[in-house]
Amino acid sequence: MPELPEVETIRRQLGPELIGRRVVEAGSHPSAKFTPARDATGVEFTEDGRRGKFLIFGLDDGRELIIHLGMTGRLAIRSSGRDPSVEEDPDDAYLRAWWLLDDRRLLTYHDVRRFGRIRVVSAGDYSSIPTLHTAGPEPFDETFDSEQFWQRLARSRRPIKVQLLSQRPVAGVGNIYADEALWLAKINPKATRIGKGRAADLLDAIRVVLGRGIENGGTTLRDYRDAEGRSGDNQNALEAYGRVGRPCRRCSNALRSTVIDNRVATWCPHCQRR
């Protein structure tokens, strides 16, 4: 599933293409997950944003177009000279939504597994999108410090990795970057309590691995492509995720995996002791 670096990469690519453009027409798959795309007709894109793993596009009528990519969602802009609902290439079998812009280009949303979703809401009103509504602070918010992070973690006794995946202590961290940050901070993913010092180390590590992911254009393991159809490069920089059985790059012990709340965690038994 695309996490903060992948979504941020797409935002940076689409923003310059969409801001100032008006939607002439829109359409979607009949699923209620995607039909709200049609509500963004006759409006102009005024702002591009991101909150955690959600893309947020401001509209000139006081609303926002919210897009969550799910596991396999892809956004792209392409030229148009045809009815976008007509299937002309294999990918269009998975076309879930489209927006025809006033320059005759199309913003398209494809989603093979249909785990993504689209909403149009009043600006700032995310009550109909629970994960977004309850999301914690942005990791790069300069007003968000390690003390606040520690306090958020201290509210729960669930394993630290589960807390990160909940999006409540901090927004945008998923399975890949949680493993990476915990490895970098030398924290066991099953730990249920960490002190203020270790919370500071973990917040620093989260910022490092997310920043690296953005610099590398995201992580492509199978499905992720950016808005230009390219794979990311961050999979080549992963230290923990996907390296089960391989030597830890710090201590050379074999990395292990364990299932925590139905999610696989990869960790080093030597560097990340409880």
C-alpha atoms as a PDB file:
ATOM      1  CA  MET A   1       0.000   0.000   0.000  1.00  0.00           C
ATOM      2  CA  PRO A   2       1.384   3.428  -0.893  1.00  0.00           C
ATOM      3  CA  GLU A   3       2.601   5.208   2.222  1.00  0.00           C
ATOM      4  CA  LEU A   4       3.565   8.823   2.800  1.00  0.00           C
ATOM      5  CA  PRO A   5       6.608   8.906   0.455  1.00  0.00           C
ATOM      6  CA  GLU A   6       4.695   7.390  -2.452  1.00  0.00           C
ATOM      7  CA  VAL A   7       1.691   9.678  -1.982  1.00  0.00           C
ATOM      8  CA  GLU A   8       3.924  12.729  -1.563  1.00  0.00           C
ATOM      9  CA  THR A   9       5.780  11.851  -4.772  1.00  0.00           C
ATOM     10  CA  ILE A  10       2.484  11.729  -6.667  1.00  0.00           C
ATOM     11  CA  ARG A  11       1.294  14.995  -5.103  1.00  0.00           C
ATOM     12  CA  ARG A  12       4.434  16.793  -6.226  1.00  0.00           C
ATOM     13  CA  GLN A  13       3.974  15.512  -9.766  1.00  0.00           C
ATOM     14  CA  LEU A  14       0.254  16.217 -10.104  1.00  0.00           C
ATOM     15  CA  GLY A  15       0.093  19.593  -8.361  1.00  0.00           C
ATOM     16  CA  PRO A  16       1.695  21.683 -11.116  1.00  0.00           C
ATOM     17  CA  GLU A  17      -0.454  19.923 -13.724  1.00  0.00           C
ATOM     18  CA  LEU A  18      -3.786  20.405 -11.942  1.00  0.00           C
ATOM     19  CA  ILE A  19      -3.681  23.762 -10.157  1.00  0.00           C
ATOM     20  CA  GLY A  20      -5.706  26.266 -12.191  1.00  0.00           C
ATOM     21  CA  ARG A  21      -7.309  23.580 -14.338  1.00  0.00           C
ATOM     22  CA  ARG A  22     -11.089  23.163 -14.389  1.00  0.00           C
ATOM     23  CA  VAL A  23     -12.930  19.843 -14.517  1.00  0.00           C
ATOM     24  CA  VAL A  24     -15.247  19.814 -17.537  1.00  0.00           C
ATOM     25  CA  GLU A  25     -16.638  16.344 -17.005  1.00  0.00           C
ATOM     26  CA  ALA A  26     -16.110  13.418 -14.659  1.00  0.00           C
ATOM     27  CA  GLY A  27     -17.110   9.774 -14.485  1.00  0.00           C
ATOM     28  CA  SER A  28     -16.550   6.685 -12.406  1.00  0.00           C
ATOM     29  CA  HIS A  29     -17.072   3.010 -11.779  1.00  0.00           C
ATOM     30  CA  PRO A  30     -20.551   2.416 -10.255  1.00  0.00           C
ATOM     31  CA  SER A  31     -19.115   1.397  -6.873  1.00  0.00           C
ATOM     32  CA  ALA A  32     -19.946   3.842  -4.080  1.00  0.00           C
ATOM     33  CA  LYS A  33     -16.210   3.965  -3.361  1.00  0.00           C
ATOM     34  CA  PHE A  34     -15.670   5.858  -6.595  1.00  0.00           C
ATOM     35  CA  THR A  35     -18.935   7.596  -7.561  1.00  0.00           C
ATOM     36  CA  PRO A  36     -18.065  10.718  -5.509  1.00  0.00           C
ATOM     37  CA  ALA A  37     -15.525  11.458  -8.260  1.00  0.00           C
ATOM     38  CA  ARG A  38     -18.467  12.696 -10.334  1.00  0.00           C
ATOM     39  CA  ASP A  39     -19.176  15.419  -7.749  1.00  0.00           C
ATOM     40  CA  ALA A  40     -15.967  17.187  -8.781  1.00  0.00           C
ATOM     41  CA  THR A  41     -17.448  18.526 -12.021  1.00  0.00           C
ATOM     42  CA  GLY A  42     -17.346  22.170 -13.044  1.00  0.00           C
ATOM     43  CA  VAL A  43     -14.809  23.046 -10.359  1.00  0.00           C
ATOM     44  CA  GLU A  44     -11.259  24.357 -10.535  1.00  0.00           C
ATOM     45  CA  PHE A  45      -8.305  22.842  -8.702  1.00  0.00           C
ATOM     46  CA  THR A  46      -6.903  25.499  -6.400  1.00  0.00           C
ATOM     47  CA  GLU A  47      -4.538  23.607  -4.118  1.00  0.00           C
ATOM     48  CA  ASP A  48      -2.670  20.323  -3.874  1.00  0.00           C
ATOM     49  CA  GLY A  49      -2.122  18.725  -0.502  1.00  0.00           C
ATOM     50  CA  ARG A  50      -1.509  15.527   1.394  1.00  0.00           C
ATOM     51  CA  ARG A  51      -2.461  14.305   4.845  1.00  0.00           C
ATOM     52  CA  GLY A  52      -0.787  11.057   5.831  1.00  0.00           C
ATOM     53  CA  LYS A  53      -1.582   8.653   2.983  1.00  0.00           C
ATOM     54  CA  PHE A  54      -4.420  10.776   1.539  1.00  0.00           C
ATOM     55  CA  LEU A  55      -4.203  13.163  -1.403  1.00  0.00           C
ATOM     56  CA  ILE A  56      -6.247  16.315  -0.829  1.00  0.00           C
ATOM     57  CA  PHE A  57      -7.021  18.653  -3.724  1.00  0.00           C
ATOM     58  CA  GLY A  58      -8.657  21.982  -2.901  1.00  0.00           C
ATOM     59  CA  LEU A  59     -11.530  23.065  -5.165  1.00  0.00           C
ATOM     60  CA  ASP A  60     -12.753  26.578  -5.876  1.00  0.00           C
ATOM     61  CA  ASP A  61     -16.199  25.959  -4.367  1.00  0.00           C
ATOM     62  CA  GLY A  62     -14.954  25.404  -0.813  1.00  0.00           C
ATOM     63  CA  ARG A  63     -14.738  21.639  -1.059  1.00  0.00           C
ATOM     64  CA  GLU A  64     -11.882  19.145  -1.343  1.00  0.00           C
ATOM     65  CA  LEU A  65     -11.359  16.093  -3.508  1.00  0.00           C
ATOM     66  CA  ILE A  66      -9.903  13.334  -1.315  1.00  0.00           C
ATOM     67  CA  ILE A  67      -8.207  10.322  -2.910  1.00  0.00           C
ATOM     68  CA  HIS A  68      -6.871   7.276  -1.089  1.00  0.00           C
ATOM     69  CA  LEU A  69      -4.902   4.907  -3.305  1.00  0.00           C
ATOM     70  CA  GLY A  70      -5.557   1.750  -1.286  1.00  0.00           C
ATOM     71  CA  MET A  71      -3.176  -1.033  -2.305  1.00  0.00           C
ATOM     72  CA  THR A  72      -3.116  -0.725  -6.087  1.00  0.00           C
ATOM     73  CA  GLY A  73      -4.457   2.729  -6.937  1.00  0.00           C
ATOM     74  CA  ARG A  74      -2.682   4.760  -9.607  1.00  0.00           C
ATOM     75  CA  LEU A  75      -3.210   8.331 -10.765  1.00  0.00           C
ATOM     76  CA  ALA A  76      -1.993   9.688 -14.076  1.00  0.00           C
ATOM     77  CA  ILE A  77      -2.617  12.487 -16.539  1.00  0.00           C
ATOM     78  CA  ARG A  78      -2.907  11.642 -20.200  1.00  0.00           C
ATOM     79  CA  SER A  79      -4.065  13.249 -23.407  1.00  0.00           C
ATOM     80  CA  SER A  80      -7.668  12.742 -24.423  1.00  0.00           C
ATOM     81  CA  GLY A  81      -9.372  12.635 -27.763  1.00  0.00           C
ATOM     82  CA  ARG A  82     -11.929  10.022 -26.922  1.00  0.00           C
ATOM     83  CA  ASP A  83     -14.582   8.914 -24.483  1.00  0.00           C
ATOM     84  CA  PRO A  84     -12.557   7.955 -21.385  1.00  0.00           C
ATOM     85  CA  SER A  85     -15.055   5.244 -20.453  1.00  0.00           C
ATOM     86  CA  VAL A  86     -14.252   3.268 -23.613  1.00  0.00           C
ATOM     87  CA  GLU A  87     -11.702   0.526 -22.978  1.00  0.00           C
ATOM     88  CA  GLU A  88      -8.832   0.813 -25.440  1.00  0.00           C
ATOM     89  CA  ASP A  89      -5.935  -0.660 -23.514  1.00  0.00           C
ATOM     90  CA  PRO A  90      -5.584  -3.378 -20.853  1.00  0.00           C
ATOM     91  CA  ASP A  91      -5.238  -0.944 -17.956  1.00  0.00           C
ATOM     92  CA  ASP A  92      -8.626   0.581 -18.713  1.00  0.00           C
ATOM     93  CA  ALA A  93     -10.280  -2.577 -17.434  1.00  0.00           C
ATOM     94  CA  TYR A  94      -9.334  -1.152 -14.033  1.00  0.00           C
ATOM     95  CA  LEU A  95     -10.323   2.463 -14.688  1.00  0.00           C
ATOM     96  CA  ARG A  96     -12.308   3.513 -11.624  1.00  0.00           C
ATOM     97  CA  ALA A  97     -12.602   7.273 -12.074  1.00  0.00           C
ATOM     98  CA  TRP A  98     -11.650  10.023 -14.500  1.00  0.00           C
ATOM     99  CA  TRP A  99     -11.770  13.785 -14.737  1.00  0.00           C
ATOM    100  CA  LEU A 100     -11.684  15.604 -18.088  1.00  0.00           C
ATOM    101  CA  LEU A 101      -9.777  18.871 -17.707  1.00  0.00           C
ATOM    102  CA  ASP A 102     -10.358  22.105 -19.598  1.00  0.00           C
ATOM    103  CA  ASP A 103      -7.166  21.554 -21.598  1.00  0.00           C
ATOM    104  CA  ARG A 104      -8.648  18.267 -22.885  1.00  0.00           C
ATOM    105  CA  ARG A 105      -6.338  16.085 -20.793  1.00  0.00           C
ATOM    106  CA  LEU A 106      -7.596  13.389 -18.477  1.00  0.00           C
ATOM    107  CA  LEU A 107      -6.776  12.756 -14.843  1.00  0.00           C
ATOM    108  CA  THR A 108      -7.363   9.020 -14.444  1.00  0.00           C
ATOM    109  CA  TYR A 109      -7.577   6.742 -11.437  1.00  0.00           C
ATOM    110  CA  HIS A 110      -6.963   3.010 -11.912  1.00  0.00           C
ATOM    111  CA  ASP A 111      -7.300   0.491  -9.106  1.00  0.00           C
ATOM    112  CA  VAL A 112      -6.961  -3.249  -9.746  1.00  0.00           C
ATOM    113  CA  ARG A 113      -8.079  -4.451  -6.319  1.00  0.00           C
ATOM    114  CA  ARG A 114     -10.548  -1.625  -5.588  1.00  0.00           C
ATOM    115  CA  PHE A 115      -9.301  -0.964  -2.057  1.00  0.00           C
ATOM    116  CA  GLY A 116      -8.923   2.755  -2.721  1.00  0.00           C
ATOM    117  CA  ARG A 117     -11.660   5.337  -2.348  1.00  0.00           C
ATOM    118  CA  ILE A 118     -12.653   8.836  -3.407  1.00  0.00           C
ATOM    119  CA  ARG A 119     -14.619  11.488  -1.520  1.00  0.00           C
ATOM    120  CA  VAL A 120     -15.610  15.106  -2.068  1.00  0.00           C
ATOM    121  CA  VAL A 121     -16.127  16.908   1.246  1.00  0.00           C
ATOM    122  CA  SER A 122     -16.373  20.397   2.667  1.00  0.00           C
ATOM    123  CA  ALA A 123     -12.834  21.669   3.159  1.00  0.00           C
ATOM    124  CA  GLY A 124     -11.418  20.324   6.412  1.00  0.00           C
ATOM    125  CA  ASP A 125     -14.446  18.145   7.270  1.00  0.00           C
ATOM    126  CA  TYR A 126     -13.090  14.603   7.363  1.00  0.00           C
ATOM    127  CA  SER A 127     -15.709  13.126   9.688  1.00  0.00           C
ATOM    128  CA  SER A 128     -16.869  10.729   6.943  1.00  0.00           C
ATOM    129  CA  ILE A 129     -13.306   9.380   6.528  1.00  0.00           C
ATOM    130  CA  PRO A 130     -12.391   7.862   9.925  1.00  0.00           C
ATOM    131  CA  THR A 131      -8.721   7.125   9.237  1.00  0.00           C
ATOM    132  CA  LEU A 132      -8.143  10.668   8.025  1.00  0.00           C
ATOM    133  CA  HIS A 133     -10.313  12.196  10.746  1.00  0.00           C
ATOM    134  CA  THR A 134      -8.319  10.551  13.557  1.00  0.00           C
ATOM    135  CA  ALA A 135      -4.858  10.763  11.969  1.00  0.00           C
ATOM    136  CA  GLY A 136      -2.027  11.986  14.152  1.00  0.00           C
ATOM    137  CA  PRO A 137       0.330  14.864  13.328  1.00  0.00           C
ATOM    138  CA  GLU A 138       2.344  15.023  10.147  1.00  0.00           C
ATOM    139  CA  PRO A 139       5.854  13.665  10.812  1.00  0.00           C
ATOM    140  CA  PHE A 140       7.564  16.703   9.290  1.00  0.00           C
ATOM    141  CA  ASP A 141       5.431  19.245  11.149  1.00  0.00           C
ATOM    142  CA  GLU A 142       7.956  21.475  12.918  1.00  0.00           C
ATOM    143  CA  THR A 143       5.568  21.979  15.848  1.00  0.00           C
ATOM    144  CA  PHE A 144       5.379  18.222  16.461  1.00  0.00           C
ATOM    145  CA  ASP A 145       8.123  17.215  18.881  1.00  0.00           C
ATOM    146  CA  SER A 146       9.288  14.035  20.585  1.00  0.00           C
ATOM    147  CA  GLU A 147       7.481  14.888  23.837  1.00  0.00           C
ATOM    148  CA  GLN A 148       4.138  14.981  22.025  1.00  0.00           C
ATOM    149  CA  PHE A 149       5.026  11.797  20.173  1.00  0.00           C
ATOM    150  CA  TRP A 150       5.894  10.000  23.410  1.00  0.00           C
ATOM    151  CA  GLN A 151       2.626  11.130  24.996  1.00  0.00           C
ATOM    152  CA  ARG A 152       0.656   9.766  22.054  1.00  0.00           C
ATOM    153  CA  LEU A 153       2.446   6.432  22.226  1.00  0.00           C
ATOM    154  CA  ALA A 154       1.871   6.251  25.990  1.00  0.00           C
ATOM    155  CA  ARG A 155      -1.904   6.263  25.504  1.00  0.00           C
ATOM    156  CA  SER A 156      -1.846   2.627  24.374  1.00  0.00           C
ATOM    157  CA  ARG A 157      -0.275  -0.629  25.473  1.00  0.00           C
ATOM    158  CA  ARG A 158      -0.472  -2.166  22.039  1.00  0.00           C
ATOM    159  CA  PRO A 159       2.811  -3.164  20.346  1.00  0.00           C
ATOM    160  CA  ILE A 160       4.667  -0.169  18.996  1.00  0.00           C
ATOM    161  CA  LYS A 161       4.384  -1.318  15.393  1.00  0.00           C
ATOM    162  CA  VAL A 162       0.617  -1.696  15.701  1.00  0.00           C
ATOM    163  CA  GLN A 163       0.425   1.820  17.061  1.00  0.00           C
ATOM    164  CA  LEU A 164       2.379   3.216  14.129  1.00  0.00           C
ATOM    165  CA  LEU A 165       0.145   1.432  11.625  1.00  0.00           C
ATOM    166  CA  SER A 166      -2.961   2.869  13.317  1.00  0.00           C
ATOM    167  CA  GLN A 167      -1.896   6.351  12.086  1.00  0.00           C
ATOM    168  CA  ARG A 168      -2.833   7.858  15.476  1.00  0.00           C
ATOM    169  CA  PRO A 169       0.617   8.681  16.967  1.00  0.00           C
ATOM    170  CA  VAL A 170       1.849  10.040  13.643  1.00  0.00           C
ATOM    171  CA  ALA A 171       0.386  10.038  10.136  1.00  0.00           C
ATOM    172  CA  GLY A 172       1.663   8.356   6.991  1.00  0.00           C
ATOM    173  CA  VAL A 173       3.683   5.393   8.303  1.00  0.00           C
ATOM    174  CA  GLY A 174       2.704   1.966   6.974  1.00  0.00           C
ATOM    175  CA  ASN A 175       4.213  -1.504   7.071  1.00  0.00           C
ATOM    176  CA  ILE A 176       7.359  -0.776   5.070  1.00  0.00           C
ATOM    177  CA  TYR A 177       8.468   2.423   6.785  1.00  0.00           C
ATOM    178  CA  ALA A 178       7.461   1.173  10.247  1.00  0.00           C
ATOM    179  CA  ASP A 179       9.906  -1.737   9.892  1.00  0.00           C
ATOM    180  CA  GLU A 180      12.565   0.613   8.579  1.00  0.00           C
ATOM    181  CA  ALA A 181      12.149   3.196  11.349  1.00  0.00           C
ATOM    182  CA  LEU A 182      12.054   0.617  14.148  1.00  0.00           C
ATOM    183  CA  TRP A 183      15.201  -1.021  12.792  1.00  0.00           C
ATOM    184  CA  LEU A 184      16.979   2.331  12.562  1.00  0.00           C
ATOM    185  CA  ALA A 185      15.931   3.290  16.109  1.00  0.00           C
ATOM    186  CA  LYS A 186      16.820  -0.200  17.443  1.00  0.00           C
ATOM    187  CA  ILE A 187      13.340  -0.736  18.874  1.00  0.00           C
ATOM    188  CA  ASN A 188      11.646  -4.126  18.931  1.00  0.00           C
ATOM    189  CA  PRO A 189       8.320  -4.024  17.051  1.00  0.00           C
ATOM    190  CA  LYS A 190       6.638  -5.953  19.895  1.00  0.00           C
ATOM    191  CA  ALA A 191       7.632  -3.414  22.550  1.00  0.00           C
ATOM    192  CA  THR A 192       4.596  -1.916  24.254  1.00  0.00           C
ATOM    193  CA  ARG A 193       6.304   0.881  26.170  1.00  0.00           C
ATOM    194  CA  ILE A 194       9.259   3.075  25.308  1.00  0.00           C
ATOM    195  CA  GLY A 195      10.755   5.959  27.232  1.00  0.00           C
ATOM    196  CA  LYS A 196      11.051   9.558  26.154  1.00  0.00           C
ATOM    197  CA  GLY A 197      14.589   9.099  24.833  1.00  0.00           C
ATOM    198  CA  ARG A 198      13.659   6.159  22.657  1.00  0.00           C
ATOM    199  CA  ALA A 199      10.536   7.956  21.459  1.00  0.00           C
ATOM    200  CA  ALA A 200      12.797  10.801  20.319  1.00  0.00           C
ATOM    201  CA  ASP A 201      15.042   8.295  18.515  1.00  0.00           C
ATOM    202  CA  LEU A 202      12.015   6.731  16.840  1.00  0.00           C
ATOM    203  CA  LEU A 203      10.586  10.052  15.670  1.00  0.00           C
ATOM    204  CA  ASP A 204      13.984  10.966  14.234  1.00  0.00           C
ATOM    205  CA  ALA A 205      14.149   7.568  12.512  1.00  0.00           C
ATOM    206  CA  ILE A 206      10.646   7.982  11.057  1.00  0.00           C
ATOM    207  CA  ARG A 207      11.665  11.312   9.574  1.00  0.00           C
ATOM    208  CA  VAL A 208      14.861   9.831   8.159  1.00  0.00           C
ATOM    209  CA  VAL A 209      13.238   6.835   6.458  1.00  0.00           C
ATOM    210  CA  LEU A 210      10.294   8.837   5.124  1.00  0.00           C
ATOM    211  CA  GLY A 211      12.605  11.547   3.830  1.00  0.00           C
ATOM    212  CA  ARG A 212      14.768   8.956   2.129  1.00  0.00           C
ATOM    213  CA  GLY A 213      11.677   7.380   0.601  1.00  0.00           C
ATOM    214  CA  ILE A 214      10.590  10.712  -0.862  1.00  0.00           C
ATOM    215  CA  GLU A 215      14.075  11.386  -2.240  1.00  0.00           C
ATOM    216  CA  ASN A 216      14.009   7.959  -3.915  1.00  0.00           C
ATOM    217  CA  GLY A 217      10.577   8.448  -5.451  1.00  0.00           C
ATOM    218  CA  GLY A 218       8.901   5.851  -3.242  1.00  0.00           C
ATOM    219  CA  THR A 219       9.208   2.094  -2.806  1.00  0.00           C
ATOM    220  CA  THR A 220       8.079  -0.231  -5.590  1.00  0.00           C
ATOM    221  CA  LEU A 221       7.768  -3.859  -4.552  1.00  0.00           C
ATOM    222  CA  ARG A 222       5.061  -4.817  -7.017  1.00  0.00           C
ATOM    223  CA  ASP A 223       2.241  -2.391  -7.841  1.00  0.00           C
ATOM    224  CA  TYR A 224       3.313   1.147  -7.016  1.00  0.00           C
ATOM    225  CA  ARG A 225       3.995   3.532  -9.895  1.00  0.00           C
ATOM    226  CA  ASP A 226       4.202   7.293  -9.702  1.00  0.00           C
ATOM    227  CA  ALA A 227       2.015   9.676 -11.712  1.00  0.00           C
ATOM    228  CA  GLU A 228       4.410   9.353 -14.648  1.00  0.00           C
ATOM    229  CA  GLY A 229       4.226   5.568 -14.625  1.00  0.00           C
ATOM    230  CA  ARG A 230       7.683   5.043 -13.151  1.00  0.00           C
ATOM    231  CA  SER A 231       8.761   2.731 -10.359  1.00  0.00           C
ATOM    232  CA  GLY A 232      10.362   4.138  -7.239  1.00  0.00           C
ATOM    233  CA  ASP A 233      13.942   3.347  -6.221  1.00  0.00           C
ATOM    234  CA  ASN A 234      13.637   3.119  -2.451  1.00  0.00           C
ATOM    235  CA  GLN A 235      13.326  -0.669  -2.464  1.00  0.00           C
ATOM    236  CA  ASN A 236      17.066  -0.666  -3.099  1.00  0.00           C
ATOM    237  CA  ALA A 237      17.672   1.215   0.165  1.00  0.00           C
ATOM    238  CA  LEU A 238      15.583  -0.904   2.553  1.00  0.00           C
ATOM    239  CA  GLU A 239      17.415  -2.122   5.654  1.00  0.00           C
ATOM    240  CA  ALA A 240      14.776  -4.399   7.208  1.00  0.00           C
ATOM    241  CA  TYR A 241      11.551  -4.761   5.266  1.00  0.00           C
ATOM    242  CA  GLY A 242      11.649  -7.719   2.880  1.00  0.00           C
ATOM    243  CA  ARG A 243      15.057  -8.921   4.126  1.00  0.00           C
ATOM    244  CA  VAL A 244      13.988 -11.826   6.371  1.00  0.00           C
ATOM    245  CA  GLY A 245      16.834 -14.323   6.788  1.00  0.00           C
ATOM    246  CA  ARG A 246      19.415 -11.942   5.392  1.00  0.00           C
ATOM    247  CA  PRO A 247      22.196 -10.446   7.551  1.00  0.00           C
ATOM    248  CA  CYS A 248      21.506  -7.295   9.510  1.00  0.00           C
ATOM    249  CA  ARG A 249      23.632  -4.523   8.058  1.00  0.00           C
ATOM    250  CA  ARG A 250      24.619  -3.417  11.571  1.00  0.00           C
ATOM    251  CA  CYS A 251      25.503  -6.675  13.320  1.00  0.00           C
ATOM    252  CA  SER A 252      25.320  -9.405  10.627  1.00  0.00           C
ATOM    253  CA  ASN A 253      22.776 -11.501  12.567  1.00  0.00           C
ATOM    254  CA  ALA A 254      19.989 -12.936  10.422  1.00  0.00           C
ATOM    255  CA  LEU A 255      16.859 -10.802  10.380  1.00  0.00           C
ATOM    256  CA  ARG A 256      13.704 -12.475  11.624  1.00  0.00           C
ATOM    257  CA  SER A 257      10.011 -12.008  10.989  1.00  0.00           C
ATOM    258  CA  THR A 258       7.027 -12.272  13.269  1.00  0.00           C
ATOM    259  CA  VAL A 259       3.298 -11.652  12.906  1.00  0.00           C
ATOM    260  CA  ILE A 260       1.886  -8.844  15.045  1.00  0.00           C
ATOM    261  CA  ASP A 261      -1.827  -8.170  14.794  1.00  0.00           C
ATOM    262  CA  ASN A 262      -1.952  -9.956  11.422  1.00  0.00           C
ATOM    263  CA  ARG A 263       0.906  -7.904   9.971  1.00  0.00           C
ATOM    264  CA  VAL A 264       4.403  -9.230   9.355  1.00  0.00           C
ATOM    265  CA  ALA A 265       7.231  -7.384  11.078  1.00  0.00           C
ATOM    266  CA  THR A 266      10.896  -7.818  10.139  1.00  0.00           C
ATOM    267  CA  TRP A 267      13.477  -7.114  12.842  1.00  0.00           C
ATOM    268  CA  CYS A 268      16.939  -7.927  14.124  1.00  0.00           C
ATOM    269  CA  PRO A 269      17.026 -10.170  17.247  1.00  0.00           C
ATOM    270  CA  HIS A 270      20.342  -8.643  18.331  1.00  0.00           C
ATOM    271  CA  CYS A 271      19.893  -4.922  17.569  1.00  0.00           C
ATOM    272  CA  GLN A 272      16.206  -4.757  18.460  1.00  0.00           C
ATOM    273  CA  ARG A 273      16.029  -6.638  21.732  1.00  0.00           C
ATOM    274  CA  ARG A 274      13.056  -6.008  24.022  1.00  0.00           C
END
